[in-house]
Amino acid sequence: MIVITGATGNVGRPLVRALTEAGEQVTAVTRSITDAPAGVRRHQVDLAEPESLKPALDGAKAIFLLTSGDFVARGNLTDVVRVVQGAGVERIVLLSSQGVGTQRHPSNLEDAVVQSGLEWTLLRPGNFSSNAFQWAESVRAERLVSAPFGDVALPAVDPDDIAEVAAVALREPGHAGARYTLTGPAAVSPRDQAAAIGAALGESVRFVELSRTQARNRMLGYMPEQVAESTLDILGTPYAAEQQVTPDVEKVLGRPARTFADWATRNVAAFR
């Protein structure tokens, strides 16, 4: 049995699918009960209340841990890991952040897992291709993308690639102690992303650049101030390491990482 937290998110959903297609027994953990593929166990769990995770861990050999910005404000990963240890789970794959490796984010986001004594793997993705969903409404209504730092390029990673790497690390040996920095195959700017969405639609999509202040005010509607500021720092003044394409997706999966254009084509329905 493999337990997936955040099972209905941009990474969790394709991860559940990949594991079930591989014949694994899966428990999907979410904060609210939702539909899941046939044969998948479902549990309603709030990781900020770690004891609520216990029933979901019955018979589990591995767990995928994903913590939201909301959890960071309310919960304690050390307490979650203690519950995982107590259930006899052997392997943890943690969805962390490239920002830990570049020291944008505190290392204690990973410490509880690394110090757990269990077999662990850390996934450190950078900018997600799926962040472009934030533009879906304006693209549908006005064929418009508005974003800050229009020509600053980062190698956005496809969540499906993250999920496939996680599935390998959860199922196969050889990944214990690994820290994988996951990126796409090329850096792409917000202006380039708007063009790729337009190409997928077969229509022109206009790009308008926001100021940092305008972008910050929007972001504060759905994320804590500290996270918004850190995100804007990465988007506007990335370190060289944050703009670098890494080989880790191809190293684990044996194929190149998917491009942003591929992501846009597969998800074009959201922008129609």
Protein backbone atom coordinates (compact mmCIF):
# COMPACT_ATOMS: atom_id res chain seq x y z
CA MET A 1 0.00 0.00 0.00
CA ILE A 2 1.26 3.47 -0.94
CA VAL A 3 -0.29 6.54 0.69
CA ILE A 4 -0.53 9.77 -1.32
CA THR A 5 -1.19 13.04 0.51
CA GLY A 6 -2.50 15.95 -1.55
CA ALA A 7 -4.02 13.30 -3.79
CA THR A 8 -6.29 15.63 -5.77
CA GLY A 9 -3.67 18.28 -6.59
CA ASN A 10 -1.67 18.91 -9.75
CA VAL A 11 0.95 16.35 -8.68
CA GLY A 12 -1.16 14.05 -6.50
CA ARG A 13 -3.80 13.28 -9.10
CA PRO A 14 -1.40 12.05 -11.82
CA LEU A 15 0.64 10.24 -9.15
CA VAL A 16 -2.42 8.26 -8.01
CA ARG A 17 -3.11 7.43 -11.64
CA ALA A 18 0.47 6.34 -12.35
CA LEU A 19 0.58 4.07 -9.32
CA THR A 20 -2.78 2.44 -9.94
CA GLU A 21 -1.84 1.84 -13.58
CA ALA A 22 1.33 0.14 -12.31
CA GLY A 23 -0.82 -2.21 -10.23
CA GLU A 24 -0.10 -0.68 -6.81
CA GLN A 25 -2.63 -0.44 -4.00
CA VAL A 26 -3.12 3.23 -3.24
CA THR A 27 -4.65 5.27 -0.44
CA ALA A 28 -5.61 8.80 -1.48
CA VAL A 29 -5.41 11.34 1.35
CA THR A 30 -7.13 14.71 1.05
CA ARG A 31 -8.60 17.34 3.35
CA SER A 32 -12.03 16.74 1.84
CA ILE A 33 -13.55 13.54 0.48
CA THR A 34 -13.55 13.53 -3.32
CA ASP A 35 -13.82 11.02 -6.12
CA ALA A 36 -10.92 8.65 -6.70
CA PRO A 37 -10.20 5.97 -9.31
CA ALA A 38 -11.79 2.58 -8.78
CA GLY A 39 -9.94 0.50 -6.21
CA VAL A 40 -8.30 3.48 -4.50
CA ARG A 41 -8.89 3.85 -0.77
CA ARG A 42 -9.83 7.36 0.34
CA HIS A 43 -9.23 9.05 3.68
CA GLN A 44 -10.09 12.55 4.82
CA VAL A 45 -7.06 13.86 6.69
CA ASP A 46 -5.81 17.24 7.87
CA LEU A 47 -2.03 16.95 8.25
CA ALA A 48 -2.13 19.83 10.72
CA GLU A 49 -3.80 17.23 12.97
CA PRO A 50 -1.28 14.38 12.51
CA GLU A 51 -3.27 11.80 14.48
CA SER A 52 -5.93 11.95 11.76
CA LEU A 53 -3.39 10.34 9.40
CA LYS A 54 -3.12 7.10 11.39
CA PRO A 55 -6.05 5.20 9.81
CA ALA A 56 -4.76 5.97 6.32
CA LEU A 57 -1.39 4.36 7.10
CA ASP A 58 -2.76 0.92 7.87
CA GLY A 59 -0.65 -1.54 5.85
CA ALA A 60 1.34 1.20 4.10
CA LYS A 61 4.91 0.58 2.97
CA ALA A 62 5.54 4.06 1.51
CA ILE A 63 4.11 7.57 1.64
CA PHE A 64 4.24 10.63 -0.59
CA LEU A 65 4.22 13.74 1.58
CA LEU A 66 3.01 17.03 0.18
CA THR A 67 2.52 19.99 2.48
CA SER A 68 0.70 23.15 1.46
CA GLY A 69 1.46 26.73 2.38
CA ASP A 70 -1.51 26.52 4.73
CA PHE A 71 0.08 23.54 6.49
CA VAL A 72 3.36 25.44 6.94
CA ALA A 73 1.40 28.09 8.84
CA ARG A 74 -0.63 25.63 10.95
CA GLY A 75 1.20 22.32 11.18
CA ASN A 76 4.45 20.65 12.15
CA LEU A 77 6.07 18.16 9.78
CA THR A 78 8.01 16.55 12.63
CA ASP A 79 4.73 15.47 14.23
CA VAL A 80 3.53 14.04 10.91
CA VAL A 81 6.75 12.08 10.47
CA ARG A 82 6.44 10.64 13.99
CA VAL A 83 3.01 9.27 13.07
CA VAL A 84 4.47 7.80 9.87
CA GLN A 85 7.31 6.17 11.83
CA GLY A 86 4.89 4.74 14.38
CA ALA A 87 2.82 3.12 11.62
CA GLY A 88 5.81 1.14 10.36
CA VAL A 89 6.06 2.91 7.00
CA GLU A 90 9.48 2.26 5.46
CA ARG A 91 9.82 4.87 2.71
CA ILE A 92 9.02 8.60 2.42
CA VAL A 93 9.08 10.69 -0.73
CA LEU A 94 8.77 14.38 0.16
CA LEU A 95 7.67 17.04 -2.31
CA SER A 96 9.96 19.84 -1.21
CA SER A 97 11.12 22.87 -3.20
CA GLN A 98 14.09 23.95 -5.24
CA GLY A 99 14.17 26.93 -2.90
CA VAL A 100 15.52 24.73 -0.11
CA GLY A 101 18.52 23.82 -2.24
CA THR A 102 19.14 27.46 -3.18
CA GLN A 103 18.50 28.54 0.44
CA ARG A 104 15.52 30.70 -0.50
CA HIS A 105 13.47 28.52 1.86
CA PRO A 106 14.50 27.16 5.26
CA SER A 107 16.05 23.69 5.37
CA ASN A 108 13.72 22.69 8.22
CA LEU A 109 11.14 22.00 5.52
CA GLU A 110 13.12 18.80 4.92
CA ASP A 111 14.88 18.15 8.24
CA ALA A 112 12.14 16.02 9.80
CA VAL A 113 12.24 13.61 6.87
CA VAL A 114 16.03 13.49 6.51
CA GLN A 115 16.46 12.85 10.23
CA SER A 116 13.64 10.29 10.45
CA GLY A 117 15.81 7.19 10.07
CA LEU A 118 13.48 6.01 7.30
CA GLU A 119 14.34 5.55 3.63
CA TRP A 120 13.74 8.97 2.09
CA THR A 121 13.85 10.78 -1.24
CA LEU A 122 13.48 14.54 -1.69
CA LEU A 123 11.90 16.04 -4.79
CA ARG A 124 12.78 19.70 -5.32
CA PRO A 125 10.80 21.12 -8.25
CA GLY A 126 11.12 24.73 -9.26
CA ASN A 127 8.46 26.69 -11.14
CA PHE A 128 5.45 24.49 -12.04
CA SER A 129 4.00 24.62 -15.57
CA SER A 130 0.59 24.33 -13.91
CA ASN A 131 1.05 27.76 -12.31
CA ALA A 132 -0.23 28.96 -15.69
CA PHE A 133 -3.72 27.86 -14.62
CA GLN A 134 -3.88 31.20 -12.77
CA TRP A 135 -4.29 32.82 -16.21
CA ALA A 136 -7.07 30.52 -17.41
CA GLU A 137 -9.95 32.87 -16.63
CA SER A 138 -8.38 35.90 -18.34
CA VAL A 139 -7.34 33.81 -21.34
CA ARG A 140 -10.87 32.45 -21.71
CA ALA A 141 -12.46 35.89 -21.31
CA GLU A 142 -9.98 38.20 -23.02
CA ARG A 143 -7.20 36.07 -24.55
CA LEU A 144 -4.93 37.85 -22.06
CA VAL A 145 -2.05 36.82 -19.80
CA SER A 146 -0.83 39.34 -17.22
CA ALA A 147 2.24 38.58 -15.11
CA PRO A 148 5.33 40.25 -13.67
CA PHE A 149 8.86 39.93 -15.07
CA GLY A 150 7.66 39.11 -18.55
CA ASP A 151 11.05 38.23 -20.02
CA VAL A 152 12.67 36.43 -17.06
CA ALA A 153 12.87 32.76 -18.02
CA LEU A 154 12.75 29.75 -15.69
CA PRO A 155 12.66 26.04 -16.66
CA ALA A 156 9.06 25.29 -15.66
CA VAL A 157 8.48 21.63 -14.77
CA ASP A 158 5.43 19.61 -15.77
CA PRO A 159 3.56 18.24 -12.71
CA ASP A 160 3.09 14.96 -14.57
CA ASP A 161 6.88 14.61 -14.68
CA ILE A 162 7.08 15.25 -10.95
CA ALA A 163 4.41 12.60 -10.41
CA GLU A 164 6.22 10.04 -12.56
CA VAL A 165 9.50 10.64 -10.71
CA ALA A 166 7.65 10.27 -7.40
CA ALA A 167 6.08 7.01 -8.57
CA VAL A 168 9.49 5.56 -9.41
CA ALA A 169 10.97 6.67 -6.07
CA LEU A 170 8.01 5.19 -4.17
CA ARG A 171 8.08 1.84 -5.97
CA GLU A 172 11.67 1.10 -6.91
CA PRO A 173 14.98 0.74 -5.04
CA GLY A 174 17.97 2.94 -5.70
CA HIS A 175 16.57 6.35 -4.75
CA ALA A 176 17.17 6.40 -0.99
CA GLY A 177 18.96 9.56 0.10
CA ALA A 178 18.52 11.22 -3.29
CA ARG A 179 17.72 14.91 -3.66
CA TYR A 180 16.28 15.45 -7.13
CA THR A 181 15.97 18.99 -8.49
CA LEU A 182 13.23 18.77 -11.11
CA THR A 183 12.96 21.19 -14.02
CA GLY A 184 11.67 21.31 -17.55
CA PRO A 185 14.01 20.93 -20.55
CA ALA A 186 14.35 24.67 -21.27
CA ALA A 187 13.84 28.00 -19.56
CA VAL A 188 10.62 29.75 -20.59
CA SER A 189 9.46 33.28 -19.75
CA PRO A 190 5.88 34.36 -18.97
CA ARG A 191 5.73 36.02 -22.40
CA ASP A 192 6.84 32.73 -23.98
CA GLN A 193 4.23 30.85 -21.95
CA ALA A 194 1.49 33.17 -23.21
CA ALA A 195 2.63 32.49 -26.77
CA ALA A 196 2.62 28.72 -26.14
CA ILE A 197 -0.92 28.86 -24.77
CA GLY A 198 -1.94 30.86 -27.83
CA ALA A 199 -0.33 28.29 -30.12
CA ALA A 200 -2.23 25.50 -28.37
CA LEU A 201 -5.48 27.45 -28.82
CA GLY A 202 -4.70 28.42 -32.40
CA GLU A 203 -5.33 32.06 -31.47
CA SER A 204 -3.24 35.03 -30.39
CA VAL A 205 -2.93 35.59 -26.62
CA ARG A 206 -1.90 39.07 -25.54
CA PHE A 207 0.70 39.56 -22.78
CA VAL A 208 0.63 42.46 -20.31
CA GLU A 209 3.42 42.90 -17.77
CA LEU A 210 2.48 43.60 -14.15
CA SER A 211 4.60 45.55 -11.70
CA ARG A 212 5.94 43.66 -8.70
CA THR A 213 3.48 45.53 -6.48
CA GLN A 214 0.52 44.59 -8.66
CA ALA A 215 1.60 40.95 -8.70
CA ARG A 216 2.17 40.94 -4.94
CA ASN A 217 -1.30 42.31 -4.26
CA ARG A 218 -2.83 39.54 -6.36
CA MET A 219 -0.76 36.82 -4.70
CA LEU A 220 -1.69 37.91 -1.20
CA GLY A 221 -5.22 36.79 -2.00
CA TYR A 222 -4.16 33.13 -1.91
CA MET A 223 -0.77 32.82 -0.21
CA PRO A 224 1.01 34.10 2.92
CA GLU A 225 3.01 37.33 2.56
CA GLN A 226 6.37 35.62 3.17
CA VAL A 227 5.69 33.04 0.47
CA ALA A 228 4.54 35.74 -1.96
CA GLU A 229 7.71 37.78 -1.43
CA SER A 230 9.95 34.75 -1.81
CA THR A 231 8.12 33.68 -4.97
CA LEU A 232 8.47 37.14 -6.48
CA ASP A 233 12.19 37.15 -5.67
CA ILE A 234 12.61 33.90 -7.59
CA LEU A 235 10.49 35.08 -10.53
CA GLY A 236 12.16 38.48 -10.77
CA THR A 237 15.76 37.94 -9.71
CA PRO A 238 16.43 34.20 -9.95
CA TYR A 239 19.76 32.73 -8.97
CA ALA A 240 21.75 31.07 -11.72
CA ALA A 241 20.86 27.68 -10.21
CA GLU A 242 17.16 28.52 -10.49
CA GLN A 243 17.50 29.19 -14.22
CA GLN A 244 19.54 26.08 -14.86
CA VAL A 245 18.03 23.02 -16.52
CA THR A 246 18.83 19.89 -14.51
CA PRO A 247 19.09 16.31 -15.83
CA ASP A 248 17.21 14.69 -12.94
CA VAL A 249 13.87 14.04 -14.68
CA GLU A 250 15.64 12.27 -17.54
CA LYS A 251 17.97 10.51 -15.12
CA VAL A 252 15.07 8.92 -13.26
CA LEU A 253 12.60 8.41 -16.13
CA GLY A 254 14.96 7.64 -18.99
CA ARG A 255 13.35 10.26 -21.24
CA PRO A 256 13.54 14.04 -21.59
CA ALA A 257 11.39 16.27 -19.41
CA ARG A 258 8.20 17.55 -21.04
CA THR A 259 8.17 21.10 -22.43
CA PHE A 260 5.81 23.87 -21.38
CA ALA A 261 4.31 23.78 -24.88
CA ASP A 262 3.46 20.11 -24.36
CA TRP A 263 1.80 20.94 -21.03
CA ALA A 264 -0.21 23.74 -22.68
CA THR A 265 -1.39 21.44 -25.46
CA ARG A 266 -2.52 18.74 -23.03
CA ASN A 267 -4.34 21.28 -20.84
CA VAL A 268 -5.72 23.57 -23.55
CA ALA A 269 -9.32 22.86 -22.52
CA ALA A 270 -8.78 24.99 -19.40
CA PHE A 271 -8.07 28.02 -21.59
CA ARG A 272 -10.81 27.69 -24.21
